[in-house]
Amino acid sequence: MKNRVLSYRDGDDEFRLYLDAKTSLPTQADILDSDPLEGDTSYLLRYGDWRKLGAVMMPFSLKYQIKGRPCQE
């Protein structure tokens, strides 16, 4: 699957939003957070199971990882 990536920085934090090249729907968001106690921490949110509700597309699957470990689904 090909993605387009939007990336920006806010201070020491870096954000990347991956968009499906065909649908333009987000596939994942990747955040690199500079935490004073934990150090650099990677947060990943994967979007899936997109469904149309009225005129709006909504993800019905969200998978959250911290430092590569599954955290919440």
PDB file of N, CA and C in Angstrom:
ATOM      1  N   MET A   1       0.849  -1.169   0.000  1.00  0.00           N
ATOM      2  CA  MET A   1       0.000   0.000   0.000  1.00  0.00           C
ATOM      3  C   MET A   1       0.904   1.245   0.000  1.00  0.00           C
ATOM      4  N   LYS A   2       0.620   2.162  -0.892  1.00  0.00           N
ATOM      5  CA  LYS A   2       1.382   3.408  -0.950  1.00  0.00           C
ATOM      6  C   LYS A   2       0.690   4.465  -0.107  1.00  0.00           C
ATOM      7  N   ASN A   3       1.511   5.255   0.593  1.00  0.00           N
ATOM      8  CA  ASN A   3       1.009   6.331   1.440  1.00  0.00           C
ATOM      9  C   ASN A   3       1.691   7.637   1.086  1.00  0.00           C
ATOM     10  N   ARG A   4       0.972   8.713   1.311  1.00  0.00           N
ATOM     11  CA  ARG A   4       1.572  10.042   1.306  1.00  0.00           C
ATOM     12  C   ARG A   4       1.770  10.403   2.764  1.00  0.00           C
ATOM     13  N   VAL A   5       2.825  11.126   3.074  1.00  0.00           N
ATOM     14  CA  VAL A   5       3.133  11.433   4.473  1.00  0.00           C
ATOM     15  C   VAL A   5       3.170  12.934   4.681  1.00  0.00           C
ATOM     16  N   LEU A   6       2.393  13.387   5.658  1.00  0.00           N
ATOM     17  CA  LEU A   6       2.444  14.779   6.111  1.00  0.00           C
ATOM     18  C   LEU A   6       3.248  14.779   7.402  1.00  0.00           C
ATOM     19  N   SER A   7       4.234  15.651   7.488  1.00  0.00           N
ATOM     20  CA  SER A   7       5.117  15.666   8.654  1.00  0.00           C
ATOM     21  C   SER A   7       5.300  17.090   9.143  1.00  0.00           C
ATOM     22  N   TYR A   8       5.314  17.263  10.467  1.00  0.00           N
ATOM     23  CA  TYR A   8       5.617  18.575  11.031  1.00  0.00           C
ATOM     24  C   TYR A   8       6.211  18.422  12.424  1.00  0.00           C
ATOM     25  N   ARG A   9       6.844  19.470  12.885  1.00  0.00           N
ATOM     26  CA  ARG A   9       7.454  19.503  14.217  1.00  0.00           C
ATOM     27  C   ARG A   9       6.786  20.575  15.061  1.00  0.00           C
ATOM     28  N   ASP A  10       6.710  20.286  16.354  1.00  0.00           N
ATOM     29  CA  ASP A  10       6.244  21.248  17.345  1.00  0.00           C
ATOM     30  C   ASP A  10       7.249  21.188  18.488  1.00  0.00           C
ATOM     31  N   GLY A  11       8.188  22.108  18.494  1.00  0.00           N
ATOM     32  CA  GLY A  11       9.271  22.049  19.474  1.00  0.00           C
ATOM     33  C   GLY A  11      10.128  20.826  19.211  1.00  0.00           C
ATOM     34  N   ASP A  12      10.285  19.967  20.213  1.00  0.00           N
ATOM     35  CA  ASP A  12      11.066  18.737  20.071  1.00  0.00           C
ATOM     36  C   ASP A  12      10.221  17.557  19.589  1.00  0.00           C
ATOM     37  N   ASP A  13       8.908  17.737  19.474  1.00  0.00           N
ATOM     38  CA  ASP A  13       8.011  16.650  19.075  1.00  0.00           C
ATOM     39  C   ASP A  13       7.862  16.626  17.554  1.00  0.00           C
ATOM     40  N   GLU A  14       7.805  15.407  16.991  1.00  0.00           N
ATOM     41  CA  GLU A  14       7.658  15.226  15.548  1.00  0.00           C
ATOM     42  C   GLU A  14       6.414  14.395  15.274  1.00  0.00           C
ATOM     43  N   PHE A  15       5.592  14.844  14.334  1.00  0.00           N
ATOM     44  CA  PHE A  15       4.335  14.191  13.993  1.00  0.00           C
ATOM     45  C   PHE A  15       4.349  13.792  12.522  1.00  0.00           C
ATOM     46  N   ARG A  16       3.860  12.584  12.216  1.00  0.00           N
ATOM     47  CA  ARG A  16       3.709  12.137  10.826  1.00  0.00           C
ATOM     48  C   ARG A  16       2.325  11.527  10.673  1.00  0.00           C
ATOM     49  N   LEU A  17       1.604  11.970   9.644  1.00  0.00           N
ATOM     50  CA  LEU A  17       0.299  11.414   9.327  1.00  0.00           C
ATOM     51  C   LEU A  17       0.412  10.744   7.962  1.00  0.00           C
ATOM     52  N   TYR A  18       0.123   9.439   7.911  1.00  0.00           N
ATOM     53  CA  TYR A  18       0.212   8.653   6.685  1.00  0.00           C
ATOM     54  C   TYR A  18      -1.178   8.574   6.062  1.00  0.00           C
ATOM     55  N   LEU A  19      -1.281   8.976   4.789  1.00  0.00           N
ATOM     56  CA  LEU A  19      -2.551   8.971   4.071  1.00  0.00           C
ATOM     57  C   LEU A  19      -2.489   7.966   2.929  1.00  0.00           C
ATOM     58  N   ASP A  20      -3.519   7.130   2.819  1.00  0.00           N
ATOM     59  CA  ASP A  20      -3.596   6.174   1.722  1.00  0.00           C
ATOM     60  C   ASP A  20      -3.589   6.950   0.397  1.00  0.00           C
ATOM     61  N   ALA A  21      -2.717   6.565  -0.524  1.00  0.00           N
ATOM     62  CA  ALA A  21      -2.554   7.285  -1.787  1.00  0.00           C
ATOM     63  C   ALA A  21      -3.816   7.238  -2.655  1.00  0.00           C
ATOM     64  N   LYS A  22      -4.627   6.187  -2.531  1.00  0.00           N
ATOM     65  CA  LYS A  22      -5.844   6.068  -3.348  1.00  0.00           C
ATOM     66  C   LYS A  22      -7.041   6.771  -2.734  1.00  0.00           C
ATOM     67  N   THR A  23      -7.234   6.596  -1.418  1.00  0.00           N
ATOM     68  CA  THR A  23      -8.450   7.111  -0.775  1.00  0.00           C
ATOM     69  C   THR A  23      -8.231   8.424  -0.024  1.00  0.00           C
ATOM     70  N   SER A  24      -6.991   8.771   0.262  1.00  0.00           N
ATOM     71  CA  SER A  24      -6.618   9.935   1.085  1.00  0.00           C
ATOM     72  C   SER A  24      -7.062   9.799   2.537  1.00  0.00           C
ATOM     73  N   LEU A  25      -7.495   8.595   2.943  1.00  0.00           N
ATOM     74  CA  LEU A  25      -7.869   8.361   4.338  1.00  0.00           C
ATOM     75  C   LEU A  25      -6.611   8.059   5.151  1.00  0.00           C
ATOM     76  N   PRO A  26      -6.556   8.509   6.402  1.00  0.00           N
ATOM     77  CA  PRO A  26      -5.388   8.214   7.242  1.00  0.00           C
ATOM     78  C   PRO A  26      -5.254   6.710   7.490  1.00  0.00           C
ATOM     79  N   THR A  27      -4.021   6.209   7.387  1.00  0.00           N
ATOM     80  CA  THR A  27      -3.749   4.813   7.729  1.00  0.00           C
ATOM     81  C   THR A  27      -3.084   4.729   9.095  1.00  0.00           C
ATOM     82  N   GLN A  28      -2.279   5.752   9.435  1.00  0.00           N
ATOM     83  CA  GLN A  28      -1.663   5.770  10.755  1.00  0.00           C
ATOM     84  C   GLN A  28      -1.118   7.158  11.068  1.00  0.00           C
ATOM     85  N   ALA A  29      -0.950   7.405  12.351  1.00  0.00           N
ATOM     86  CA  ALA A  29      -0.300   8.615  12.849  1.00  0.00           C
ATOM     87  C   ALA A  29       0.868   8.152  13.719  1.00  0.00           C
ATOM     88  N   ASP A  30       2.009   8.768  13.505  1.00  0.00           N
ATOM     89  CA  ASP A  30       3.233   8.400  14.213  1.00  0.00           C
ATOM     90  C   ASP A  30       3.747   9.653  14.922  1.00  0.00           C
ATOM     91  N   ILE A  31       3.949   9.568  16.218  1.00  0.00           N
ATOM     92  CA  ILE A  31       4.388  10.721  17.014  1.00  0.00           C
ATOM     93  C   ILE A  31       5.658  10.344  17.749  1.00  0.00           C
ATOM     94  N   LEU A  32       6.692  11.150  17.595  1.00  0.00           N
ATOM     95  CA  LEU A  32       7.923  10.985  18.362  1.00  0.00           C
ATOM     96  C   LEU A  32       7.954  12.111  19.378  1.00  0.00           C
ATOM     97  N   ASP A  33       7.785  11.738  20.643  1.00  0.00           N
ATOM     98  CA  ASP A  33       7.664  12.688  21.744  1.00  0.00           C
ATOM     99  C   ASP A  33       8.969  12.712  22.534  1.00  0.00           C
ATOM    100  N   SER A  34       9.435  13.893  22.842  1.00  0.00           N
ATOM    101  CA  SER A  34      10.627  14.043  23.673  1.00  0.00           C
ATOM    102  C   SER A  34      10.180  14.252  25.113  1.00  0.00           C
ATOM    103  N   ASP A  35      10.207  13.186  25.901  1.00  0.00           N
ATOM    104  CA  ASP A  35       9.745  13.212  27.288  1.00  0.00           C
ATOM    105  C   ASP A  35      10.949  13.370  28.208  1.00  0.00           C
ATOM    106  N   PRO A  36      10.909  14.324  29.162  1.00  0.00           N
ATOM    107  CA  PRO A  36      12.061  14.535  30.040  1.00  0.00           C
ATOM    108  C   PRO A  36      12.382  13.340  30.939  1.00  0.00           C
ATOM    109  N   LEU A  37      11.388  12.525  31.285  1.00  0.00           N
ATOM    110  CA  LEU A  37      11.613  11.370  32.157  1.00  0.00           C
ATOM    111  C   LEU A  37      11.845  10.083  31.369  1.00  0.00           C
ATOM    112  N   GLU A  38      11.076   9.872  30.295  1.00  0.00           N
ATOM    113  CA  GLU A  38      11.142   8.631  29.515  1.00  0.00           C
ATOM    114  C   GLU A  38      12.107   8.719  28.334  1.00  0.00           C
ATOM    115  N   GLY A  39      12.530   9.912  27.978  1.00  0.00           N
ATOM    116  CA  GLY A  39      13.354  10.085  26.783  1.00  0.00           C
ATOM    117  C   GLY A  39      12.476  10.081  25.542  1.00  0.00           C
ATOM    118  N   ASP A  40      13.068   9.885  24.372  1.00  0.00           N
ATOM    119  CA  ASP A  40      12.297   9.842  23.137  1.00  0.00           C
ATOM    120  C   ASP A  40      11.339   8.659  23.175  1.00  0.00           C
ATOM    121  N   THR A  41      10.059   8.935  22.957  1.00  0.00           N
ATOM    122  CA  THR A  41       9.027   7.912  22.994  1.00  0.00           C
ATOM    123  C   THR A  41       8.245   7.944  21.697  1.00  0.00           C
ATOM    124  N   SER A  42       8.052   6.774  21.084  1.00  0.00           N
ATOM    125  CA  SER A  42       7.315   6.654  19.836  1.00  0.00           C
ATOM    126  C   SER A  42       5.896   6.177  20.118  1.00  0.00           C
ATOM    127  N   TYR A  43       4.922   6.934  19.626  1.00  0.00           N
ATOM    128  CA  TYR A  43       3.513   6.575  19.728  1.00  0.00           C
ATOM    129  C   TYR A  43       3.005   6.318  18.316  1.00  0.00           C
ATOM    130  N   LEU A  44       2.249   5.236  18.116  1.00  0.00           N
ATOM    131  CA  LEU A  44       1.726   4.902  16.803  1.00  0.00           C
ATOM    132  C   LEU A  44       0.243   4.584  16.931  1.00  0.00           C
ATOM    133  N   LEU A  45      -0.558   5.209  16.094  1.00  0.00           N
ATOM    134  CA  LEU A  45      -1.998   4.949  16.051  1.00  0.00           C
ATOM    135  C   LEU A  45      -2.346   4.503  14.642  1.00  0.00           C
ATOM    136  N   ARG A  46      -2.875   3.280  14.512  1.00  0.00           N
ATOM    137  CA  ARG A  46      -3.260   2.740  13.200  1.00  0.00           C
ATOM    138  C   ARG A  46      -4.782   2.795  13.066  1.00  0.00           C
ATOM    139  N   TYR A  47      -5.230   3.324  11.935  1.00  0.00           N
ATOM    140  CA  TYR A  47      -6.658   3.441  11.630  1.00  0.00           C
ATOM    141  C   TYR A  47      -7.058   2.332  10.663  1.00  0.00           C
ATOM    142  N   GLY A  48      -8.261   1.773  10.828  1.00  0.00           N
ATOM    143  CA  GLY A  48      -8.725   0.736   9.916  1.00  0.00           C
ATOM    144  C   GLY A  48     -10.231   0.593   9.943  1.00  0.00           C
ATOM    145  N   ASP A  49     -10.741  -0.326   9.142  1.00  0.00           N
ATOM    146  CA  ASP A  49     -12.166  -0.623   9.039  1.00  0.00           C
ATOM    147  C   ASP A  49     -12.984   0.658   8.837  1.00  0.00           C
ATOM    148  N   TRP A  50     -12.637   1.384   7.776  1.00  0.00           N
ATOM    149  CA  TRP A  50     -13.331   2.637   7.476  1.00  0.00           C
ATOM    150  C   TRP A  50     -14.748   2.362   6.983  1.00  0.00           C
ATOM    151  N   ARG A  51     -15.710   3.106   7.545  1.00  0.00           N
ATOM    152  CA  ARG A  51     -17.122   2.985   7.147  1.00  0.00           C
ATOM    153  C   ARG A  51     -17.724   4.376   6.975  1.00  0.00           C
ATOM    154  N   LYS A  52     -18.667   4.442   6.061  1.00  0.00           N
ATOM    155  CA  LYS A  52     -19.343   5.716   5.804  1.00  0.00           C
ATOM    156  C   LYS A  52     -20.537   5.860   6.741  1.00  0.00           C
ATOM    157  N   LEU A  53     -20.573   6.967   7.466  1.00  0.00           N
ATOM    158  CA  LEU A  53     -21.708   7.309   8.332  1.00  0.00           C
ATOM    159  C   LEU A  53     -22.283   8.615   7.801  1.00  0.00           C
ATOM    160  N   GLY A  54     -23.388   8.511   7.099  1.00  0.00           N
ATOM    161  CA  GLY A  54     -23.930   9.689   6.437  1.00  0.00           C
ATOM    162  C   GLY A  54     -22.944  10.141   5.370  1.00  0.00           C
ATOM    163  N   ALA A  55     -22.447  11.372   5.496  1.00  0.00           N
ATOM    164  CA  ALA A  55     -21.491  11.913   4.529  1.00  0.00           C
ATOM    165  C   ALA A  55     -20.052  11.835   5.027  1.00  0.00           C
ATOM    166  N   VAL A  56     -19.839  11.176   6.179  1.00  0.00           N
ATOM    167  CA  VAL A  56     -18.516  11.179   6.815  1.00  0.00           C
ATOM    168  C   VAL A  56     -17.949   9.759   6.900  1.00  0.00           C
ATOM    169  N   MET A  57     -16.666   9.605   6.569  1.00  0.00           N
ATOM    170  CA  MET A  57     -15.974   8.321   6.742  1.00  0.00           C
ATOM    171  C   MET A  57     -15.370   8.288   8.151  1.00  0.00           C
ATOM    172  N   MET A  58     -15.569   7.168   8.852  1.00  0.00           N
ATOM    173  CA  MET A  58     -15.074   7.010  10.222  1.00  0.00           C
ATOM    174  C   MET A  58     -14.329   5.687  10.360  1.00  0.00           C
ATOM    175  N   PRO A  59     -13.200   5.688  11.107  1.00  0.00           N
ATOM    176  CA  PRO A  59     -12.499   4.421  11.353  1.00  0.00           C
ATOM    177  C   PRO A  59     -13.165   3.675  12.516  1.00  0.00           C
ATOM    178  N   PHE A  60     -13.443   2.391  12.317  1.00  0.00           N
ATOM    179  CA  PHE A  60     -14.037   1.586  13.381  1.00  0.00           C
ATOM    180  C   PHE A  60     -13.005   0.696  14.050  1.00  0.00           C
ATOM    181  N   SER A  61     -11.738   0.829  13.627  1.00  0.00           N
ATOM    182  CA  SER A  61     -10.652   0.099  14.254  1.00  0.00           C
ATOM    183  C   SER A  61      -9.514   1.073  14.536  1.00  0.00           C
ATOM    184  N   LEU A  62      -9.109   1.139  15.794  1.00  0.00           N
ATOM    185  CA  LEU A  62      -7.982   1.968  16.217  1.00  0.00           C
ATOM    186  C   LEU A  62      -7.041   1.087  17.031  1.00  0.00           C
ATOM    187  N   LYS A  63      -5.780   1.022  16.619  1.00  0.00           N
ATOM    188  CA  LYS A  63      -4.776   0.241  17.346  1.00  0.00           C
ATOM    189  C   LYS A  63      -3.660   1.189  17.765  1.00  0.00           C
ATOM    190  N   TYR A  64      -3.379   1.222  19.053  1.00  0.00           N
ATOM    191  CA  TYR A  64      -2.434   2.159  19.631  1.00  0.00           C
ATOM    192  C   TYR A  64      -1.224   1.412  20.178  1.00  0.00           C
ATOM    193  N   GLN A  65      -0.038   1.892  19.828  1.00  0.00           N
ATOM    194  CA  GLN A  65       1.201   1.289  20.324  1.00  0.00           C
ATOM    195  C   GLN A  65       2.087   2.365  20.945  1.00  0.00           C
ATOM    196  N   ILE A  66       2.790   1.992  22.002  1.00  0.00           N
ATOM    197  CA  ILE A  66       3.787   2.868  22.615  1.00  0.00           C
ATOM    198  C   ILE A  66       5.113   2.124  22.589  1.00  0.00           C
ATOM    199  N   LYS A  67       6.117   2.752  22.007  1.00  0.00           N
ATOM    200  CA  LYS A  67       7.449   2.158  21.862  1.00  0.00           C
ATOM    201  C   LYS A  67       7.379   0.775  21.213  1.00  0.00           C
ATOM    202  N   GLY A  68       6.476   0.616  20.220  1.00  0.00           N
ATOM    203  CA  GLY A  68       6.363  -0.633  19.493  1.00  0.00           C
ATOM    204  C   GLY A  68       5.546  -1.723  20.172  1.00  0.00           C
ATOM    205  N   ARG A  69       5.069  -1.470  21.383  1.00  0.00           N
ATOM    206  CA  ARG A  69       4.274  -2.472  22.112  1.00  0.00           C
ATOM    207  C   ARG A  69       2.789  -2.116  22.026  1.00  0.00           C
ATOM    208  N   PRO A  70       1.940  -3.112  21.697  1.00  0.00           N
ATOM    209  CA  PRO A  70       0.493  -2.847  21.670  1.00  0.00           C
ATOM    210  C   PRO A  70       0.033  -2.342  23.038  1.00  0.00           C
ATOM    211  N   CYS A  71      -0.808  -1.340  23.003  1.00  0.00           N
ATOM    212  CA  CYS A  71      -1.263  -0.711  24.245  1.00  0.00           C
ATOM    213  C   CYS A  71      -2.779  -0.775  24.372  1.00  0.00           C
ATOM    214  N   GLN A  72      -3.480  -0.451  23.276  1.00  0.00           N
ATOM    215  CA  GLN A  72      -4.935  -0.376  23.333  1.00  0.00           C
ATOM    216  C   GLN A  72      -5.488  -0.641  21.944  1.00  0.00           C
ATOM    217  N   GLU A  73      -6.665  -1.296  21.900  1.00  0.00           N
ATOM    218  CA  GLU A  73      -7.326  -1.542  20.613  1.00  0.00           C
ATOM    219  C   GLU A  73      -8.788  -1.265  20.755  1.00  0.00           C
TER     220      GLU A  73
END
